Amino acid sequence: MTASLFIKGLIIGFSIAAPVGPIGILCIKQTLNHGRLAGLLSGLGAATADAVYGCVAGFGLTIISNLLIEQQTWFRLIGGLFLCYLGIKAFFSKPNENTALTQNSGLLRNYGLTFILTLTNPMTILAFAAIFASQGLSNQRMEYSAAGLLILGVFLGSALWWLLLSAGVGLLRGKIDFKKLSWINRFSGVLIAAFGLYALWSLVR
């Protein structure tokens, strides 16, 4: 039983992380500009946030989930503005700029940025709730140890995706020159800002 829950957690975490969105683009950009570790740490921030939302859905914390859904307007506003800021910053940044990102403080900042960005997306909790319900997990009376194993699987499944992504992109890093990196920064900046504008537009709509 516990082994199957762990495997289900792995699958859920991987499937939630795999669709390429603003976090994926940030991970790719950081990997190309600063190396695999920078990209991986960016992804692990999102994996941690996935685990947090997995805890909310897995442990049946309806008060917290309802609060997140009720306040999703503010979360989308903050997240959308933050993505626009990151997009503009990425557009004008140079590949060799901000070398401090390769230091410990910069790596932790990458982790924190993606953690906050993922948490400001309340749709994630809805995705977890839907997946848990479809698998019959929300109706099970699990012990805390079993639920904890499920959440661990979610984190490791998400982390596995970011590890594969950063490792794959890292293989291309040595083949891309400064000029191409500059264009990648601009392109990624436009995409990240577009995600932010879409989040803001959804509020008006």
Protein backbone atom coordinates (compact mmCIF):
# COMPACT_ATOMS: atom_id res chain seq x y z
CA MET A 1 0.00 0.00 0.00
CA THR A 2 2.67 2.49 1.03
CA ALA A 3 4.86 1.55 -1.96
CA SER A 4 1.98 2.16 -4.36
CA LEU A 5 1.28 5.53 -2.75
CA PHE A 6 4.92 6.52 -3.20
CA ILE A 7 4.82 5.53 -6.89
CA LYS A 8 1.58 7.45 -7.38
CA GLY A 9 3.23 10.46 -5.76
CA LEU A 10 6.17 10.20 -8.18
CA ILE A 11 3.84 10.10 -11.16
CA ILE A 12 1.74 13.00 -9.89
CA GLY A 13 4.77 15.17 -9.12
CA PHE A 14 6.36 14.47 -12.51
CA SER A 15 3.13 15.12 -14.44
CA ILE A 16 2.47 18.41 -12.60
CA ALA A 17 6.02 19.70 -13.25
CA ALA A 18 6.46 18.50 -16.85
CA PRO A 19 4.30 21.03 -18.79
CA VAL A 20 6.64 23.84 -19.83
CA GLY A 21 5.53 27.18 -18.39
CA PRO A 22 7.29 30.24 -16.96
CA ILE A 23 9.16 28.16 -14.37
CA GLY A 24 10.45 25.83 -17.06
CA ILE A 25 11.63 28.77 -19.13
CA LEU A 26 13.40 30.25 -16.10
CA CYS A 27 15.07 26.91 -15.42
CA ILE A 28 16.28 26.67 -19.03
CA LYS A 29 17.55 30.26 -18.98
CA GLN A 30 19.44 29.80 -15.71
CA THR A 31 20.98 26.55 -16.94
CA LEU A 32 22.21 28.11 -20.17
CA ASN A 33 23.58 31.21 -18.48
CA HIS A 34 24.92 29.86 -15.19
CA GLY A 35 25.15 26.07 -15.40
CA ARG A 36 23.20 22.96 -14.44
CA LEU A 37 23.26 23.61 -10.69
CA ALA A 38 21.62 27.02 -11.11
CA GLY A 39 18.92 25.50 -13.30
CA LEU A 40 18.37 22.57 -10.95
CA LEU A 41 18.03 24.84 -7.91
CA SER A 42 15.47 26.91 -9.79
CA GLY A 43 13.48 23.75 -10.48
CA LEU A 44 13.77 22.48 -6.92
CA GLY A 45 12.10 25.67 -5.69
CA ALA A 46 9.08 24.74 -7.80
CA ALA A 47 9.29 21.12 -6.60
CA THR A 48 9.17 22.30 -2.99
CA ALA A 49 6.09 24.42 -3.71
CA ASP A 50 4.49 21.41 -5.41
CA ALA A 51 5.15 19.41 -2.25
CA VAL A 52 3.51 22.14 -0.15
CA TYR A 53 0.39 22.10 -2.32
CA GLY A 54 0.53 18.31 -2.29
CA CYS A 55 0.44 18.44 1.52
CA VAL A 56 -2.63 20.67 1.40
CA ALA A 57 -4.43 18.29 -0.95
CA GLY A 58 -3.08 15.06 0.56
CA PHE A 59 -3.79 15.88 4.19
CA GLY A 60 -7.21 17.30 3.37
CA LEU A 61 -6.45 20.80 4.67
CA THR A 62 -9.64 22.31 3.27
CA ILE A 63 -9.38 25.52 5.30
CA ILE A 64 -6.04 26.36 3.70
CA SER A 65 -7.09 25.28 0.20
CA ASN A 66 -10.30 27.34 0.42
CA LEU A 67 -8.31 30.36 1.59
CA LEU A 68 -5.88 30.01 -1.32
CA ILE A 69 -8.72 29.73 -3.82
CA GLU A 70 -10.64 32.65 -2.32
CA GLN A 71 -7.57 34.88 -2.47
CA GLN A 72 -6.49 33.77 -5.93
CA THR A 73 -7.13 37.26 -7.35
CA TRP A 74 -4.33 38.70 -5.21
CA PHE A 75 -2.09 35.73 -5.91
CA ARG A 76 -2.56 36.14 -9.66
CA LEU A 77 -1.94 39.88 -9.43
CA ILE A 78 1.29 39.46 -7.48
CA GLY A 79 2.45 36.53 -9.58
CA GLY A 80 1.60 38.28 -12.86
CA LEU A 81 3.44 41.48 -11.93
CA PHE A 82 6.43 39.47 -10.70
CA LEU A 83 6.59 37.52 -13.95
CA CYS A 84 6.45 40.75 -15.96
CA TYR A 85 9.35 42.11 -13.89
CA LEU A 86 11.39 38.93 -14.40
CA GLY A 87 10.61 38.95 -18.11
CA ILE A 88 11.82 42.53 -18.56
CA LYS A 89 14.92 41.81 -16.50
CA ALA A 90 15.68 38.68 -18.54
CA PHE A 91 15.17 40.54 -21.83
CA PHE A 92 17.81 43.16 -21.01
CA SER A 93 20.24 40.89 -19.18
CA LYS A 94 23.51 39.72 -20.72
CA PRO A 95 24.69 36.08 -20.52
CA ASN A 96 27.74 36.87 -18.39
CA GLU A 97 25.89 39.39 -16.24
CA ASN A 98 25.09 38.76 -12.57
CA THR A 99 27.80 36.16 -12.03
CA ALA A 100 26.84 36.18 -8.35
CA LEU A 101 24.04 33.81 -9.32
CA THR A 102 26.62 31.04 -9.37
CA GLN A 103 27.44 31.70 -5.71
CA ASN A 104 25.54 30.21 -2.80
CA SER A 105 23.46 33.33 -2.16
CA GLY A 106 22.51 33.51 -5.84
CA LEU A 107 21.58 29.84 -5.97
CA LEU A 108 19.36 30.24 -2.92
CA ARG A 109 17.77 33.26 -4.55
CA ASN A 110 16.97 31.19 -7.65
CA TYR A 111 15.38 28.58 -5.39
CA GLY A 112 13.36 31.19 -3.50
CA LEU A 113 12.12 32.95 -6.65
CA THR A 114 10.66 29.82 -8.23
CA PHE A 115 9.26 28.68 -4.87
CA ILE A 116 7.34 31.95 -4.50
CA LEU A 117 6.25 32.02 -8.14
CA THR A 118 4.82 28.52 -7.91
CA LEU A 119 3.05 29.27 -4.63
CA THR A 120 1.41 32.37 -6.15
CA ASN A 121 -0.35 30.14 -8.67
CA PRO A 122 -3.48 28.92 -6.83
CA MET A 123 -4.45 26.83 -9.86
CA THR A 124 -1.78 24.38 -8.74
CA ILE A 125 -3.83 23.40 -5.69
CA LEU A 126 -6.83 22.81 -7.97
CA ALA A 127 -4.70 20.59 -10.20
CA PHE A 128 -3.52 18.56 -7.21
CA ALA A 129 -7.06 18.28 -5.84
CA ALA A 130 -8.36 17.08 -9.21
CA ILE A 131 -5.59 14.50 -9.65
CA PHE A 132 -5.92 13.24 -6.08
CA ALA A 133 -9.68 12.89 -6.52
CA SER A 134 -9.31 11.06 -9.85
CA GLN A 135 -6.95 8.56 -8.18
CA GLY A 136 -9.27 8.12 -5.22
CA LEU A 137 -6.64 9.51 -2.87
CA SER A 138 -8.83 12.24 -1.44
CA ASN A 139 -11.34 9.66 -0.21
CA GLN A 140 -8.81 7.48 1.57
CA ARG A 141 -8.25 7.67 5.30
CA MET A 142 -4.47 7.57 5.27
CA GLU A 143 -2.18 7.57 8.23
CA TYR A 144 0.21 10.49 8.49
CA SER A 145 3.14 8.25 7.58
CA ALA A 146 1.40 7.05 4.41
CA ALA A 147 0.37 10.57 3.44
CA GLY A 148 3.92 11.78 4.11
CA LEU A 149 5.27 9.07 1.78
CA LEU A 150 2.84 10.22 -0.90
CA ILE A 151 4.03 13.83 -0.55
CA LEU A 152 7.65 12.70 -0.66
CA GLY A 153 6.86 10.95 -3.94
CA VAL A 154 5.33 14.18 -5.27
CA PHE A 155 8.48 16.15 -4.40
CA LEU A 156 10.86 13.55 -5.85
CA GLY A 157 8.77 13.17 -9.01
CA SER A 158 8.80 16.92 -9.58
CA ALA A 159 12.52 17.12 -8.72
CA LEU A 160 13.22 14.32 -11.22
CA TRP A 161 11.72 16.37 -14.03
CA TRP A 162 13.82 19.42 -13.15
CA LEU A 163 16.94 17.26 -12.91
CA LEU A 164 16.31 15.82 -16.38
CA LEU A 165 15.52 19.26 -17.82
CA SER A 166 18.58 21.00 -16.38
CA ALA A 167 20.85 18.08 -17.33
CA GLY A 168 19.51 17.97 -20.89
CA VAL A 169 19.81 21.73 -21.40
CA GLY A 170 23.26 21.65 -19.78
CA LEU A 171 24.49 19.39 -22.60
CA LEU A 172 23.74 22.18 -25.08
CA ARG A 173 25.33 24.93 -23.02
CA GLY A 174 28.85 24.53 -24.44
CA LYS A 175 27.55 24.64 -28.02
CA ILE A 176 25.84 28.04 -27.68
CA ASP A 177 27.92 31.17 -28.09
CA PHE A 178 27.47 34.60 -26.47
CA LYS A 179 25.35 36.00 -29.30
CA LYS A 180 22.92 33.08 -29.24
CA LEU A 181 22.64 33.31 -25.46
CA SER A 182 21.73 36.98 -25.79
CA TRP A 183 18.90 36.11 -28.16
CA ILE A 184 17.78 33.28 -25.88
CA ASN A 185 17.62 35.76 -22.99
CA ARG A 186 15.47 38.12 -25.05
CA PHE A 187 13.20 35.33 -26.25
CA SER A 188 12.79 33.88 -22.76
CA GLY A 189 12.15 37.38 -21.40
CA VAL A 190 9.31 37.88 -23.88
CA LEU A 191 7.79 34.49 -23.02
CA ILE A 192 8.02 35.05 -19.25
CA ALA A 193 6.48 38.52 -19.57
CA ALA A 194 3.75 37.04 -21.79
CA PHE A 195 2.83 34.58 -19.03
CA GLY A 196 2.69 37.50 -16.60
CA LEU A 197 0.50 39.58 -18.91
CA TYR A 198 -1.81 36.61 -19.41
CA ALA A 199 -2.20 36.24 -15.64
CA LEU A 200 -3.06 39.95 -15.36
CA TRP A 201 -5.41 39.78 -18.32
CA SER A 202 -7.25 36.84 -16.72
CA LEU A 203 -8.06 39.12 -13.79
CA VAL A 204 -9.66 41.72 -16.06
CA ARG A 205 -11.50 39.04 -18.00
